[in-house]
Protein backbone atom coordinates (compact mmCIF):
# COMPACT_ATOMS: atom_id res chain seq x y z
CA MET A 1 5.05 16.05 2.24
CA LYS A 2 8.39 16.51 4.00
CA PRO A 3 9.89 19.26 1.78
CA TYR A 4 6.65 21.27 1.94
CA PHE A 5 6.61 20.86 5.71
CA LEU A 6 10.20 22.05 5.97
CA TYR A 7 9.45 25.07 3.79
CA LEU A 8 6.70 26.18 6.15
CA ILE A 9 8.92 25.70 9.19
CA ILE A 10 11.55 27.94 7.62
CA ILE A 11 8.91 30.62 7.13
CA ILE A 12 8.19 30.49 10.86
CA PHE A 13 11.89 30.63 11.64
CA LEU A 14 12.50 33.68 9.45
CA SER A 15 9.49 35.35 10.99
CA ALA A 16 10.92 34.72 14.42
CA LEU A 17 14.25 36.23 13.40
CA THR A 18 12.70 39.39 12.04
CA CYS A 19 10.46 39.91 15.02
CA SER A 20 12.98 39.09 17.73
CA ALA A 21 13.74 42.72 18.48
CA GLN A 22 10.06 43.53 18.63
CA ALA A 23 9.36 40.56 20.89
CA THR A 24 12.05 41.53 23.35
CA SER A 25 11.23 45.23 23.26
CA GLU A 26 7.89 44.56 24.90
CA GLU A 27 9.83 44.11 28.14
CA SER A 28 12.44 46.36 29.68
CA ILE A 29 15.86 45.35 28.38
CA PRO A 30 18.94 46.79 30.12
CA ILE A 31 20.65 49.45 28.05
CA ALA A 32 23.89 47.49 27.78
CA ALA A 33 22.03 44.47 26.37
CA SER A 34 20.09 46.66 23.92
CA LEU A 35 23.29 48.23 22.64
CA ILE A 36 25.06 44.90 22.16
CA LEU A 37 22.03 43.48 20.34
CA PHE A 38 22.05 46.52 18.06
CA LYS A 39 25.76 46.09 17.28
CA ALA A 40 25.28 42.37 16.64
CA GLY A 41 22.40 43.13 14.30
CA GLN A 42 24.58 45.50 12.31
CA LEU A 43 27.25 42.81 11.95
CA VAL A 44 24.68 40.32 10.70
CA SER A 45 23.39 42.83 8.14
CA GLU A 46 26.99 43.07 6.91
CA GLU A 47 27.04 39.25 6.64
CA LYS A 48 29.41 38.98 9.59
CA THR A 49 27.30 36.54 11.58
CA GLU A 50 30.27 34.78 13.19
CA SER A 51 31.53 38.13 14.50
CA ALA A 52 28.05 38.88 15.86
CA ILE A 53 28.07 35.55 17.70
CA ASP A 54 31.53 36.21 19.13
CA LEU A 55 30.37 39.66 20.32
CA LEU A 56 27.31 38.23 22.11
CA GLU A 57 29.22 35.28 23.62
CA LYS A 58 31.79 37.65 25.12
CA PHE A 59 28.96 39.82 26.45
CA LYS A 60 27.37 36.75 28.11
CA ALA A 61 30.70 35.67 29.58
CA LYS A 62 30.92 38.87 31.64
CA ALA A 63 28.21 37.42 33.91
CA GLU A 64 30.79 35.00 35.28
CA GLU A 65 32.96 37.86 36.53
CA ILE A 66 30.32 39.50 38.73
CA ASP A 67 27.50 38.58 41.05
CA ALA A 68 24.17 37.37 39.63
CA LYS A 69 22.21 40.49 40.61
CA THR A 70 24.61 42.83 38.87
CA ALA A 71 24.81 40.54 35.83
CA ALA A 72 21.03 40.61 35.52
CA LYS A 73 20.96 44.39 35.92
CA LYS A 74 23.52 44.81 33.15
CA GLY A 75 21.61 42.37 30.91
CA TYR A 76 24.41 39.81 30.64
CA THR A 77 21.96 37.02 31.49
CA HIS A 78 18.88 38.42 29.74
CA TYR A 79 16.99 35.84 27.68
CA SER A 80 17.07 38.12 24.60
CA ILE A 81 20.84 37.55 24.37
CA ASP A 82 20.38 33.77 24.36
CA PHE A 83 17.46 33.99 21.94
CA THR A 84 19.40 36.09 19.43
CA LEU A 85 22.45 33.86 19.78
CA GLY A 86 20.26 30.86 19.03
CA ASN A 87 18.96 32.57 15.90
CA TYR A 88 22.46 33.34 14.68
CA TYR A 89 23.70 29.81 15.34
CA LEU A 90 20.70 28.53 13.42
CA MET A 91 21.54 30.84 10.52
CA LEU A 92 24.95 29.14 10.37
CA SER A 93 23.35 25.68 10.64
CA GLN A 94 25.02 25.11 14.00
CA THR A 95 21.82 23.48 15.16
CA GLN A 96 22.97 21.82 18.37
CA LYS A 97 24.35 25.11 19.70
CA ALA A 98 21.10 26.81 18.74
CA ILE A 99 19.15 24.22 20.73
CA LEU A 100 21.21 24.94 23.85
CA CYS A 101 20.55 28.65 23.45
CA TYR A 102 16.78 28.20 23.04
CA GLN A 103 16.67 25.83 26.00
CA THR A 104 18.42 28.47 28.09
CA VAL A 105 15.87 31.04 26.92
CA LEU A 106 12.97 28.80 27.92
CA GLU A 107 14.47 28.19 31.35
CA LYS A 108 14.29 31.94 31.84
CA LYS A 109 11.08 32.66 29.92
CA ALA A 110 9.00 29.55 29.34
CA ASP A 111 6.21 31.42 27.56
CA LEU A 112 8.31 32.80 24.70
CA SER A 113 6.51 31.30 21.71
CA ASP A 114 9.19 32.27 19.17
CA ALA A 115 11.81 30.33 21.14
CA TRP A 116 9.60 27.23 21.14
CA LEU A 117 8.99 27.52 17.40
CA ASN A 118 12.66 27.96 16.54
CA LEU A 119 13.48 25.08 18.85
CA ALA A 120 10.95 23.04 16.89
CA LYS A 121 12.83 23.78 13.68
CA CYS A 122 16.11 22.72 15.27
CA HIS A 123 14.67 19.38 16.34
CA TYR A 124 13.22 18.92 12.88
CA ASP A 125 16.59 19.60 11.22
CA LEU A 126 18.15 16.90 13.42
CA ASN A 127 15.30 14.48 12.64
CA GLN A 128 14.22 14.62 16.27
CA MET A 129 10.55 14.54 15.42
CA ARG A 130 9.21 13.89 18.89
CA GLY A 131 11.08 16.94 20.17
CA ALA A 132 9.78 18.97 17.22
CA GLY A 133 6.23 17.87 17.95
CA ASN A 134 6.46 18.90 21.59
CA ALA A 135 8.08 22.25 20.74
CA PHE A 136 5.41 23.11 18.17
CA LEU A 137 2.72 22.27 20.70
CA LYS A 138 4.37 24.52 23.29
CA GLY A 139 4.71 27.20 20.62
CA TYR A 140 0.97 27.00 20.05
CA GLU A 141 0.11 27.05 23.74
CA THR A 142 2.31 30.07 24.44
CA SER A 143 1.42 32.08 21.35
CA ALA A 144 -1.06 34.93 21.60
CA GLN A 145 -2.72 34.17 18.25
CA LYS A 146 -3.14 30.39 18.73
CA SER A 147 -2.29 29.69 15.11
CA ALA A 148 -3.75 26.45 13.80
CA VAL A 149 -0.65 25.78 11.74
CA TYR A 150 1.43 25.16 14.88
CA LEU A 151 -0.92 22.40 16.00
CA TYR A 152 -0.83 20.92 12.52
CA TYR A 153 3.01 20.87 12.51
CA SER A 154 2.98 19.34 15.97
CA SER A 155 0.70 16.50 14.93
CA VAL A 156 2.68 15.87 11.73
CA SER A 157 5.97 15.81 13.65
CA TYR A 158 4.61 13.20 16.03
CA MET A 159 3.31 11.25 13.06
CA MET A 160 6.78 11.27 11.50
CA ALA A 161 8.08 10.00 14.83
CA GLU A 162 5.50 7.19 14.46
CA ASP A 163 3.84 8.29 17.69
CA TYR A 164 0.39 8.08 16.15
CA LYS A 165 -1.41 8.21 19.47
CA GLU A 166 0.02 11.62 20.37
CA ALA A 167 -0.35 12.81 16.77
CA TYR A 168 -4.02 11.81 16.87
CA SER A 169 -4.60 13.56 20.19
CA ILE A 170 -3.21 16.83 18.84
CA SER A 171 -5.07 16.46 15.54
CA GLN A 172 -8.32 16.16 17.50
CA LEU A 173 -7.51 19.42 19.30
CA LEU A 174 -6.84 20.98 15.89
CA LEU A 175 -10.18 19.78 14.53
CA LYS A 176 -12.06 20.99 17.58
CA ALA A 177 -10.45 24.42 17.91
CA HIS A 178 -9.79 25.30 14.26
CA SER A 179 -12.22 23.33 12.12
CA GLN A 180 -12.70 26.24 9.67
CA GLU A 181 -8.98 26.85 9.20
CA ILE A 182 -7.91 23.35 8.20
CA GLU A 183 -6.54 23.28 4.67
CA LEU A 184 -7.24 20.45 2.27
CA SER A 185 -3.58 19.39 2.21
CA TRP A 186 -3.60 19.07 6.01
CA LYS A 187 -6.34 16.47 5.78
CA GLU A 188 -3.95 14.19 3.94
CA SER A 189 -1.82 14.06 7.08
CA LEU A 190 -4.87 13.58 9.27
CA VAL A 191 -5.78 10.53 7.19
CA GLN A 192 -2.26 9.13 7.58
CA ILE A 193 -2.47 9.58 11.33
CA MET A 194 -5.81 7.80 11.51
CA PHE A 195 -4.48 5.02 9.30
CA GLY A 196 -1.57 4.65 11.72
CA LEU A 197 -4.11 3.84 14.44
CA GLU A 198 -6.31 1.78 12.08
CA LYS A 199 -9.17 4.25 12.48
CA TYR A 200 -10.28 3.63 8.91
CA SER A 201 -13.95 4.46 9.35
CA GLU A 202 -13.07 7.75 11.03
CA ALA A 203 -10.74 8.64 8.16
CA LEU A 204 -13.37 7.90 5.51
CA PRO A 205 -15.08 11.35 5.41
CA PHE A 206 -11.70 13.04 4.93
CA ILE A 207 -10.77 10.61 2.15
CA GLU A 208 -14.10 11.29 0.44
CA GLU A 209 -13.41 15.02 0.57
CA LEU A 210 -9.84 14.59 -0.73
CA ALA A 211 -11.08 12.41 -3.59
CA GLU A 212 -13.69 15.00 -4.50
CA LYS A 213 -11.80 18.30 -4.11
CA ASN A 214 -8.31 17.46 -5.34
CA THR A 215 -7.36 17.66 -9.01
CA GLY A 216 -5.10 15.82 -11.43
CA LYS A 217 -2.95 12.93 -10.27
CA LYS A 218 -3.62 13.64 -6.62
CA ARG A 219 -7.38 13.38 -7.17
CA LYS A 220 -6.96 10.03 -8.91
CA ALA A 221 -4.70 8.73 -6.13
CA TRP A 222 -7.26 9.61 -3.46
CA GLN A 223 -10.06 8.12 -5.55
CA GLU A 224 -8.12 4.88 -5.58
CA VAL A 225 -7.64 5.06 -1.81
CA LEU A 226 -11.35 5.74 -1.34
CA LEU A 227 -12.39 2.79 -3.49
CA SER A 228 -10.01 0.47 -1.64
CA GLN A 229 -11.41 1.70 1.69
CA TYR A 230 -14.99 1.01 0.63
CA ILE A 231 -13.88 -2.52 -0.28
CA MET A 232 -11.85 -3.05 2.90
CA LEU A 233 -14.68 -1.76 5.10
CA GLN A 234 -17.02 -4.18 3.28
CA MET A 235 -19.18 -1.34 2.02
CA ASP A 236 -19.97 -3.47 -1.03
CA GLU A 237 -22.79 -1.45 -2.53
CA LYS A 238 -20.89 1.80 -2.01
CA ALA A 239 -17.78 0.30 -3.64
CA PHE A 240 -19.76 -1.09 -6.57
CA SER A 241 -21.58 2.18 -7.17
CA TYR A 242 -18.39 4.26 -6.83
CA ALA A 243 -16.42 2.02 -9.22
CA GLY A 244 -19.21 2.36 -11.79
CA TRP A 245 -19.19 6.14 -11.37
CA LEU A 246 -15.41 6.25 -11.76
CA THR A 247 -15.58 4.39 -15.08
CA GLN A 248 -18.04 7.02 -16.32
CA GLU A 249 -16.12 10.02 -15.01
CA ASP A 250 -12.74 8.82 -16.32
CA THR A 251 -13.58 6.28 -19.02
CA LEU A 252 -10.00 5.89 -20.27
CA GLU A 253 -8.48 4.99 -16.89
CA PRO A 254 -7.81 1.21 -16.94
CA LYS A 255 -7.65 0.76 -13.17
CA TRP A 256 -11.32 1.70 -12.73
CA TRP A 257 -12.43 -0.96 -15.22
CA LYS A 258 -10.27 -3.59 -13.53
CA ALA A 259 -11.72 -2.68 -10.14
CA LEU A 260 -15.24 -2.81 -11.55
CA CYS A 261 -14.50 -6.25 -13.00
CA HIS A 262 -13.47 -7.66 -9.62
CA LEU A 263 -16.46 -6.06 -7.90
CA CYS A 264 -18.80 -7.58 -10.49
CA LEU A 265 -17.22 -10.97 -9.93
CA SER A 266 -17.64 -10.60 -6.17
CA LYS A 267 -21.38 -10.13 -6.84
CA ASN A 268 -21.33 -13.16 -9.17
CA GLN A 269 -22.09 -10.92 -12.16
CA LEU A 270 -19.82 -12.88 -14.50
CA GLU A 271 -20.95 -11.30 -17.78
CA ASN A 272 -20.63 -7.75 -16.43
CA GLY A 273 -17.22 -8.65 -15.01
CA LEU A 274 -16.14 -9.99 -18.38
CA ALA A 275 -17.39 -6.84 -20.14
CA ALA A 276 -15.41 -4.62 -17.75
CA LEU A 277 -12.28 -6.73 -18.24
CA ILE A 278 -12.64 -6.59 -22.04
CA ILE A 279 -12.69 -2.77 -21.87
CA TYR A 280 -9.70 -2.89 -19.53
CA GLY A 281 -7.87 -4.99 -22.11
CA PHE A 282 -8.53 -2.40 -24.82
CA LEU A 283 -7.02 0.35 -22.65
CA THR A 284 -3.81 -1.29 -21.45
CA PRO A 285 -1.64 -4.36 -22.11
CA MET A 286 -2.80 -7.26 -19.98
CA SER A 287 -0.62 -9.41 -17.74
CA ASP A 288 -0.67 -13.19 -18.02
CA ASP A 289 -2.84 -13.42 -14.92
CA GLU A 290 -5.31 -10.93 -16.38
CA ARG A 291 -5.46 -12.79 -19.69
CA SER A 292 -5.99 -16.04 -17.82
CA LEU A 293 -8.83 -14.45 -15.87
CA MET A 294 -10.42 -13.22 -19.09
CA ALA A 295 -10.10 -16.70 -20.59
CA ASP A 296 -11.68 -18.24 -17.48
CA LEU A 297 -14.58 -15.81 -17.71
CA TYR A 298 -15.12 -16.61 -21.40
CA MET A 299 -15.13 -20.30 -20.48
CA MET A 300 -17.67 -19.75 -17.71
CA ALA A 301 -19.76 -17.64 -20.08
CA GLY A 302 -19.91 -20.57 -22.49
CA ILE A 303 -17.62 -19.07 -25.14
CA PRO A 304 -14.77 -21.63 -25.26
CA ALA A 305 -13.38 -20.43 -28.61
CA LYS A 306 -12.59 -17.01 -27.13
CA ALA A 307 -11.26 -18.62 -23.98
CA ILE A 308 -8.87 -20.79 -25.99
CA MET A 309 -7.61 -17.75 -27.90
CA HIS A 310 -6.60 -16.03 -24.65
CA TYR A 311 -5.12 -19.17 -23.09
CA GLU A 312 -2.97 -19.60 -26.20
CA ALA A 313 -1.86 -15.96 -25.94
CA VAL A 314 -0.66 -16.62 -22.39
CA LEU A 315 1.40 -19.60 -23.57
CA LYS A 316 2.87 -17.56 -26.43
CA GLU A 317 4.15 -15.03 -23.90
CA GLY A 318 6.27 -17.82 -22.46
CA SER A 319 4.25 -18.48 -19.31
CA ILE A 320 4.34 -22.28 -19.15
CA SER A 321 1.51 -23.61 -17.01
CA MET A 322 0.13 -27.13 -16.98
CA GLU A 323 -3.17 -25.65 -15.82
CA THR A 324 -3.37 -23.61 -19.02
CA TYR A 325 -2.84 -26.71 -21.17
CA LYS A 326 -5.62 -28.46 -19.26
CA LYS A 327 -7.97 -25.53 -19.75
CA ILE A 328 -7.30 -25.39 -23.50
CA ALA A 329 -8.00 -29.11 -23.75
CA GLN A 330 -11.24 -28.64 -21.79
CA GLY A 331 -12.14 -25.77 -24.12
CA PHE A 332 -11.82 -27.99 -27.18
CA LEU A 333 -13.85 -30.69 -25.45
CA ARG A 334 -16.62 -28.15 -24.96
CA MET A 335 -16.40 -27.50 -28.67
CA TYR A 336 -16.75 -31.27 -29.29
CA ASP A 337 -13.26 -31.52 -30.75
CA PRO A 338 -11.53 -34.29 -28.76
CA GLU A 339 -8.73 -34.67 -31.33
CA ALA A 340 -7.70 -31.03 -30.82
CA ALA A 341 -8.02 -31.51 -27.06
CA LEU A 342 -5.73 -34.53 -27.24
CA SER A 343 -3.22 -32.55 -29.29
CA TRP A 344 -2.99 -29.91 -26.54
CA VAL A 345 -2.64 -32.58 -23.87
CA GLU A 346 0.34 -33.96 -25.77
CA LYS A 347 1.85 -30.46 -25.98
CA GLY A 348 1.52 -30.07 -22.25
CA LEU A 349 3.08 -33.46 -21.51
CA ALA A 350 5.98 -32.56 -23.80
CA GLN A 351 6.69 -29.64 -21.46
CA GLU A 352 6.30 -31.43 -18.15
CA GLU A 353 5.15 -34.76 -16.69
CA ASP A 354 1.75 -34.16 -15.11
CA THR A 355 -0.57 -36.77 -13.60
CA GLU A 356 -3.78 -34.90 -14.39
CA LEU A 357 -2.78 -34.34 -18.01
CA LEU A 358 -1.80 -37.98 -18.34
CA MET A 359 -5.19 -39.03 -16.97
CA LEU A 360 -6.92 -36.65 -19.37
CA LYS A 361 -4.92 -38.16 -22.23
CA GLY A 362 -6.03 -41.66 -21.27
CA ASN A 363 -9.67 -40.57 -20.99
CA LEU A 364 -9.57 -38.84 -24.39
CA LEU A 365 -8.01 -41.88 -26.03
CA TYR A 366 -10.62 -44.09 -24.43
CA GLU A 367 -13.53 -41.82 -25.45
CA THR A 368 -12.29 -41.68 -29.05
CA GLY A 369 -12.01 -45.48 -29.22
CA HIS A 370 -8.21 -45.70 -29.12
CA PHE A 371 -8.35 -48.44 -26.48
CA GLN A 372 -4.86 -49.83 -27.00
CA GLU A 373 -3.21 -46.40 -26.59
CA ALA A 374 -5.55 -45.66 -23.67
CA ALA A 375 -4.50 -48.89 -21.94
CA GLN A 376 -0.84 -48.01 -22.39
CA THR A 377 -1.45 -44.56 -20.90
CA TYR A 378 -3.34 -45.97 -17.92
CA GLU A 379 -0.62 -48.58 -17.33
CA ARG A 380 1.92 -45.77 -17.24
CA LEU A 381 -0.22 -43.94 -14.70
CA CYS A 382 -0.57 -47.02 -12.54
CA ARG A 383 3.20 -47.55 -12.51
CA GLU A 384 3.92 -43.93 -11.57
CA ASN A 385 1.05 -43.50 -9.13
CA LYS A 386 0.01 -46.70 -7.44
CA ASP A 387 -2.51 -44.83 -5.28
CA CYS A 388 -4.62 -43.77 -8.27
CA GLY A 389 -7.64 -46.07 -8.09
CA HIS A 390 -9.32 -44.42 -11.07
CA ALA A 391 -6.33 -45.26 -13.29
CA PHE A 392 -6.64 -48.96 -12.37
CA LEU A 393 -10.39 -48.88 -13.04
CA MET A 394 -9.99 -47.23 -16.46
CA LEU A 395 -7.14 -49.59 -17.31
CA GLY A 396 -9.54 -52.47 -16.69
CA TYR A 397 -12.13 -51.00 -19.06
CA ALA A 398 -9.53 -50.31 -21.76
CA LEU A 399 -8.12 -53.85 -21.52
CA TRP A 400 -11.64 -55.29 -21.61
CA ASN A 401 -12.33 -53.35 -24.83
CA ILE A 402 -9.26 -54.83 -26.52
CA GLY A 403 -10.18 -58.32 -25.33
CA ASP A 404 -7.44 -58.83 -22.74
CA ILE A 405 -9.81 -60.23 -20.09
CA ASN A 406 -7.20 -61.68 -17.71
CA LYS A 407 -5.32 -58.39 -17.40
CA ALA A 408 -8.62 -56.52 -17.16
CA GLN A 409 -9.64 -58.68 -14.18
CA LYS A 410 -6.34 -57.97 -12.46
CA ALA A 411 -6.80 -54.24 -13.02
CA PHE A 412 -10.36 -54.32 -11.64
CA LYS A 413 -9.20 -56.25 -8.58
CA LYS A 414 -6.62 -53.51 -7.92
CA ALA A 415 -9.31 -50.85 -8.35
CA HIS A 416 -11.58 -52.80 -5.97
CA SER A 417 -9.19 -51.98 -3.10
CA PHE A 418 -9.95 -48.26 -3.42
CA THR A 419 -13.06 -46.87 -1.69
CA LYS A 420 -14.23 -44.62 -4.53
CA GLU A 421 -13.76 -47.23 -7.24
CA LYS A 422 -14.88 -50.26 -5.19
CA LYS A 423 -18.51 -50.35 -6.45
CA SER A 424 -17.67 -49.89 -10.15
CA ALA A 425 -14.85 -52.41 -9.98
CA HIS A 426 -17.13 -54.95 -8.27
CA GLN A 427 -19.78 -54.60 -11.00
CA ALA A 428 -17.14 -54.97 -13.73
CA LEU A 429 -15.74 -58.10 -12.11
CA GLN A 430 -19.24 -59.62 -11.86
CA GLN A 431 -19.88 -58.93 -15.56
CA LEU A 432 -16.55 -60.48 -16.52
CA ALA A 433 -17.33 -63.52 -14.41
CA LYS A 434 -20.61 -64.00 -16.25
CA LEU A 435 -18.83 -63.75 -19.58
CA ASN A 436 -16.33 -66.38 -18.52
CA ASN A 437 -19.10 -68.71 -17.32
CA ASN A 438 -20.88 -68.39 -20.65
């Protein structure tokens, strides 16, 4: 936005330069001042701008040699001299000197719109955005035509100064006084100003228009902003409907399918979310997180084989996650393949010691009748995590199954001290007591 903004300011500046003689000719200018301005103009046309400045500065300096009344009569102090000097300094990029000249002009003639507008450009060049905003506003207020563009530049300058409150105030004046003149590109800045004040609902109609009327990359960018605003403003049905429409309008754009997936999931439409994510995966390479999400959705949809395939793909990419190993093991369990599940638990434990995986290993060994190995696994858990009541309880069952009753009783007594396992441990101890009595 900034280069475009600067380009338009320069247009104003050049316009002010070319019309300076006309602007000053509307009032009576002393002959001496008119002649010196004419000579200076000739020097500038010959690309002798520094000589023109020197000529005008010497002309101004004569005011110090005589009384104020005579100086005014001769034109030594006429604002047109200061205004033209400011223009020439600006042509040479001597911006600070130009500012002083324009300020002198405005002390003498506060309603000279061209001076305000050129002063605005000076402030802009020096990154003095608040000053630029004020000068553009004054340029608007003093201009005969009341051009909407001056208000727009004023509001944008204040926005760039991060004075969103003042920028908003001027933008409201622009909307009220010039609603039919506002260009589409201006509305982008109006949205930024409203965002700066968190007036998201107020910005929404402008965003909708920008998303509809722009073309190419800019259209897509504003469509994305619009969709995110619907979501942020909790306009769920609007967001869902718009995301669906976007996937139809631009079927090959991955981001719309990903957005639709998340919106489906927010409505608990798991199968539709999975379908949208599958299409997304066809259109663009998926990240590990996206693959994991797809795998989770396959698992929730009751398709563990597909889930396992995607979990394995995540691991192949080098993303080591104990959670992924657990999910693969759970997937094989859903497929009634405990041996494969156990194999993946072992792979996970080879990467990193993990209490949950170790517990899963013990449970799998127990469920498949490998009671000795299960007991060893549970013993390991009990040594490493003495607060795991479930490990003590399962150790008791495993030891019982291999006939080691004394150790089983000790394990159940340990489990009995934990609230969650207390009831099961008590029942096991009673059964063991009966066996011993018999």
